[in-house]
Amino acid sequence: QEMTVAEIIHAAEESIKMTRCSASSEKGCMSPKTRCLTHDLWEGLSEQIHHYLDGISLQDVCERNLPPRMAGLIQEPRPLHDRHA
């Protein structure tokens, strides 16, 4: 009942990170030992995914009691014409 989806993924030794870089590694996702321009973007997404999955228990999944959105965490995408490069 209390075990979260994030805990299950961690116990199965699976990863939900979006980058090839390890946070503790000196090696980057590009050579020589540098991080790509969007590394922090994808690392932040990995943290959001982990936070979301850590808020959902196995019981929630079994009962199909999944939140459509985490309030304040996931926002509606802006229309393309409102986005800035």
N, C-alpha and C. Protein backbone atom coordinates (compact mmCIF):
# COMPACT_ATOMS: atom_id res chain seq x y z
N GLN A 1 0.81 -1.21 0.00
CA GLN A 1 0.00 0.00 0.00
C GLN A 1 0.84 1.25 0.00
N GLU A 2 1.91 1.26 0.77
CA GLU A 2 2.70 2.47 0.95
C GLU A 2 3.83 2.61 -0.06
N MET A 3 4.23 1.53 -0.71
CA MET A 3 5.36 1.58 -1.64
C MET A 3 4.99 2.42 -2.85
N THR A 4 5.92 3.31 -3.24
CA THR A 4 5.65 4.17 -4.38
C THR A 4 6.24 3.58 -5.66
N VAL A 5 5.75 4.08 -6.78
CA VAL A 5 6.25 3.63 -8.08
C VAL A 5 7.74 3.94 -8.20
N ALA A 6 8.17 5.10 -7.70
CA ALA A 6 9.59 5.46 -7.74
C ALA A 6 10.43 4.46 -6.96
N GLU A 7 9.94 4.01 -5.81
CA GLU A 7 10.66 3.02 -5.00
C GLU A 7 10.77 1.69 -5.74
N ILE A 8 9.73 1.31 -6.44
CA ILE A 8 9.74 0.06 -7.20
C ILE A 8 10.76 0.16 -8.34
N ILE A 9 10.77 1.27 -9.04
CA ILE A 9 11.73 1.45 -10.13
C ILE A 9 13.15 1.41 -9.58
N HIS A 10 13.38 2.07 -8.45
CA HIS A 10 14.71 2.06 -7.84
C HIS A 10 15.10 0.65 -7.39
N ALA A 11 14.17 -0.09 -6.78
CA ALA A 11 14.45 -1.45 -6.32
C ALA A 11 14.79 -2.38 -7.49
N ALA A 12 14.19 -2.12 -8.64
CA ALA A 12 14.47 -2.92 -9.84
C ALA A 12 15.75 -2.46 -10.54
N GLU A 13 16.41 -1.48 -9.93
CA GLU A 13 17.66 -0.93 -10.45
C GLU A 13 17.49 -0.36 -11.87
N GLU A 14 16.33 0.24 -12.08
CA GLU A 14 16.06 0.91 -13.34
C GLU A 14 16.30 2.41 -13.16
N SER A 15 16.50 3.09 -14.25
CA SER A 15 16.76 4.52 -14.20
C SER A 15 15.65 5.28 -14.90
N ILE A 16 15.33 6.45 -14.35
CA ILE A 16 14.35 7.31 -15.00
C ILE A 16 14.99 8.64 -15.38
N LYS A 17 16.31 8.65 -15.46
CA LYS A 17 16.97 9.91 -15.81
C LYS A 17 16.98 10.10 -17.32
N MET A 18 16.99 11.36 -17.70
CA MET A 18 16.87 11.73 -19.10
C MET A 18 18.21 12.09 -19.74
N THR A 19 19.30 12.01 -18.99
CA THR A 19 20.61 12.34 -19.53
C THR A 19 21.52 11.13 -19.44
N ARG A 20 22.59 11.17 -20.19
CA ARG A 20 23.59 10.10 -20.13
C ARG A 20 24.64 10.39 -19.07
N CYS A 21 24.64 11.60 -18.54
CA CYS A 21 25.63 11.99 -17.54
C CYS A 21 25.20 11.53 -16.15
N SER A 22 26.18 11.18 -15.36
CA SER A 22 25.94 10.89 -13.96
C SER A 22 26.22 12.16 -13.18
N ALA A 23 25.38 12.47 -12.23
CA ALA A 23 25.56 13.70 -11.46
C ALA A 23 26.90 13.72 -10.73
N SER A 24 27.39 12.57 -10.33
CA SER A 24 28.64 12.51 -9.58
C SER A 24 29.85 12.27 -10.48
N SER A 25 29.61 12.08 -11.76
CA SER A 25 30.69 11.78 -12.69
C SER A 25 31.33 13.04 -13.21
N GLU A 26 32.63 12.97 -13.41
CA GLU A 26 33.33 14.10 -14.03
C GLU A 26 33.13 14.07 -15.54
N LYS A 27 32.76 12.93 -16.06
CA LYS A 27 32.53 12.82 -17.49
C LYS A 27 31.20 13.46 -17.85
N GLY A 28 31.17 14.13 -18.96
CA GLY A 28 29.94 14.72 -19.43
C GLY A 28 29.32 13.86 -20.50
N CYS A 29 28.23 14.33 -21.05
CA CYS A 29 27.58 13.59 -22.12
C CYS A 29 28.23 13.90 -23.46
N MET A 30 29.14 14.84 -23.47
CA MET A 30 29.89 15.18 -24.68
C MET A 30 31.38 15.07 -24.36
N SER A 31 32.18 14.98 -25.36
CA SER A 31 33.61 14.92 -25.10
C SER A 31 34.21 16.29 -25.38
N PRO A 32 35.25 16.68 -24.79
CA PRO A 32 35.93 16.01 -23.69
C PRO A 32 35.40 16.49 -22.33
N LYS A 33 34.74 15.63 -21.65
CA LYS A 33 34.23 15.86 -20.28
C LYS A 33 33.42 17.14 -20.14
N THR A 34 32.53 17.40 -21.06
CA THR A 34 31.65 18.56 -20.97
C THR A 34 30.20 18.12 -21.04
N ARG A 35 29.36 18.93 -20.50
CA ARG A 35 27.92 18.65 -20.55
C ARG A 35 27.31 19.37 -21.74
N CYS A 36 26.28 18.77 -22.31
CA CYS A 36 25.60 19.39 -23.44
C CYS A 36 24.83 20.63 -22.97
N LEU A 37 24.46 21.46 -23.90
CA LEU A 37 23.78 22.72 -23.62
C LEU A 37 22.47 22.50 -22.85
N THR A 38 21.76 21.42 -23.16
CA THR A 38 20.45 21.19 -22.54
C THR A 38 20.50 20.19 -21.38
N HIS A 39 21.70 19.88 -20.89
CA HIS A 39 21.84 18.89 -19.83
C HIS A 39 20.98 19.23 -18.61
N ASP A 40 21.06 20.47 -18.13
CA ASP A 40 20.30 20.85 -16.93
C ASP A 40 18.80 20.78 -17.17
N LEU A 41 18.37 21.05 -18.39
CA LEU A 41 16.96 20.94 -18.74
C LEU A 41 16.47 19.50 -18.53
N TRP A 42 17.22 18.54 -19.09
CA TRP A 42 16.82 17.14 -19.00
C TRP A 42 17.00 16.59 -17.59
N GLU A 43 18.01 17.08 -16.88
CA GLU A 43 18.20 16.65 -15.49
C GLU A 43 17.03 17.12 -14.63
N GLY A 44 16.56 18.35 -14.88
CA GLY A 44 15.39 18.86 -14.16
C GLY A 44 14.14 18.05 -14.46
N LEU A 45 13.98 17.63 -15.72
CA LEU A 45 12.84 16.79 -16.09
C LEU A 45 12.90 15.45 -15.34
N SER A 46 14.08 14.87 -15.24
CA SER A 46 14.25 13.62 -14.50
C SER A 46 13.79 13.77 -13.06
N GLU A 47 14.15 14.90 -12.44
CA GLU A 47 13.75 15.16 -11.05
C GLU A 47 12.23 15.28 -10.94
N GLN A 48 11.60 15.94 -11.91
CA GLN A 48 10.14 16.09 -11.90
C GLN A 48 9.44 14.73 -12.05
N ILE A 49 9.97 13.90 -12.94
CA ILE A 49 9.41 12.56 -13.14
C ILE A 49 9.52 11.75 -11.86
N HIS A 50 10.70 11.80 -11.23
CA HIS A 50 10.90 11.07 -9.98
C HIS A 50 9.93 11.57 -8.91
N HIS A 51 9.79 12.88 -8.79
CA HIS A 51 8.87 13.46 -7.80
C HIS A 51 7.43 12.99 -8.06
N TYR A 52 7.02 13.00 -9.30
CA TYR A 52 5.67 12.55 -9.67
C TYR A 52 5.46 11.08 -9.29
N LEU A 53 6.40 10.22 -9.70
CA LEU A 53 6.27 8.79 -9.42
C LEU A 53 6.39 8.47 -7.94
N ASP A 54 7.10 9.31 -7.19
CA ASP A 54 7.24 9.11 -5.76
C ASP A 54 5.95 9.48 -5.02
N GLY A 55 5.05 10.16 -5.70
CA GLY A 55 3.77 10.53 -5.10
C GLY A 55 2.65 9.57 -5.44
N ILE A 56 2.97 8.47 -6.12
CA ILE A 56 1.95 7.49 -6.52
C ILE A 56 2.32 6.14 -5.92
N SER A 57 1.42 5.60 -5.12
CA SER A 57 1.68 4.31 -4.47
C SER A 57 1.25 3.16 -5.39
N LEU A 58 1.74 1.98 -5.06
CA LEU A 58 1.32 0.79 -5.80
C LEU A 58 -0.19 0.59 -5.66
N GLN A 59 -0.72 0.91 -4.50
CA GLN A 59 -2.16 0.81 -4.30
C GLN A 59 -2.90 1.78 -5.23
N ASP A 60 -2.37 2.98 -5.40
CA ASP A 60 -2.98 3.94 -6.33
C ASP A 60 -3.06 3.35 -7.74
N VAL A 61 -1.97 2.70 -8.16
CA VAL A 61 -1.94 2.11 -9.50
C VAL A 61 -2.98 1.00 -9.61
N CYS A 62 -3.00 0.10 -8.61
CA CYS A 62 -3.94 -1.03 -8.64
C CYS A 62 -5.39 -0.57 -8.63
N GLU A 63 -5.66 0.52 -7.93
CA GLU A 63 -7.03 1.04 -7.85
C GLU A 63 -7.32 2.06 -8.96
N ARG A 64 -6.36 2.25 -9.85
CA ARG A 64 -6.49 3.24 -10.93
C ARG A 64 -6.84 4.61 -10.38
N ASN A 65 -6.20 4.94 -9.29
CA ASN A 65 -6.41 6.21 -8.61
C ASN A 65 -5.23 7.14 -8.91
N LEU A 66 -5.00 7.38 -10.19
CA LEU A 66 -3.86 8.18 -10.60
C LEU A 66 -4.28 9.63 -10.84
N PRO A 67 -3.49 10.56 -10.35
CA PRO A 67 -3.83 11.97 -10.60
C PRO A 67 -3.59 12.31 -12.06
N PRO A 68 -4.53 13.02 -12.70
CA PRO A 68 -4.31 13.40 -14.10
C PRO A 68 -3.15 14.38 -14.21
N ARG A 69 -2.94 15.18 -13.17
CA ARG A 69 -1.84 16.15 -13.12
C ARG A 69 -1.52 16.38 -11.64
N MET A 70 -0.26 16.64 -11.40
CA MET A 70 0.12 17.03 -10.05
C MET A 70 -0.11 18.54 -10.00
N ALA A 71 -0.94 19.01 -9.09
CA ALA A 71 -1.28 20.43 -9.02
C ALA A 71 -0.03 21.29 -8.89
N GLY A 72 0.11 22.22 -9.81
CA GLY A 72 1.23 23.15 -9.76
C GLY A 72 2.53 22.58 -10.30
N LEU A 73 2.61 21.29 -10.50
CA LEU A 73 3.85 20.68 -10.96
C LEU A 73 3.88 20.61 -12.47
N ILE A 74 2.79 20.16 -13.05
CA ILE A 74 2.71 20.03 -14.50
C ILE A 74 1.75 21.10 -15.01
N GLN A 75 2.21 21.90 -15.91
CA GLN A 75 1.39 22.97 -16.44
C GLN A 75 0.94 22.64 -17.86
N GLU A 76 -0.14 23.27 -18.25
CA GLU A 76 -0.60 23.13 -19.63
C GLU A 76 0.46 23.71 -20.55
N PRO A 77 0.74 23.05 -21.66
CA PRO A 77 1.71 23.62 -22.60
C PRO A 77 1.18 24.92 -23.20
N ARG A 78 2.10 25.86 -23.40
CA ARG A 78 1.72 27.12 -24.03
C ARG A 78 1.60 26.90 -25.53
N PRO A 79 0.71 27.66 -26.19
CA PRO A 79 0.64 27.57 -27.67
C PRO A 79 1.98 27.95 -28.28
N LEU A 80 2.30 27.36 -29.40
CA LEU A 80 3.58 27.61 -30.04
C LEU A 80 3.86 29.08 -30.30
N HIS A 81 2.84 29.84 -30.68
CA HIS A 81 3.07 31.25 -30.99
C HIS A 81 3.42 32.09 -29.76
N ASP A 82 3.17 31.56 -28.52
CA ASP A 82 3.50 32.27 -27.29
C ASP A 82 4.89 31.94 -26.78
N ARG A 83 5.55 30.97 -27.38
CA ARG A 83 6.86 30.55 -26.90
C ARG A 83 7.96 31.42 -27.48
N HIS A 84 8.96 31.64 -26.67
CA HIS A 84 10.13 32.40 -27.11
C HIS A 84 11.29 31.46 -27.30
N ALA A 85 12.13 31.72 -28.28
CA ALA A 85 13.29 30.88 -28.54
C ALA A 85 14.35 31.10 -27.48
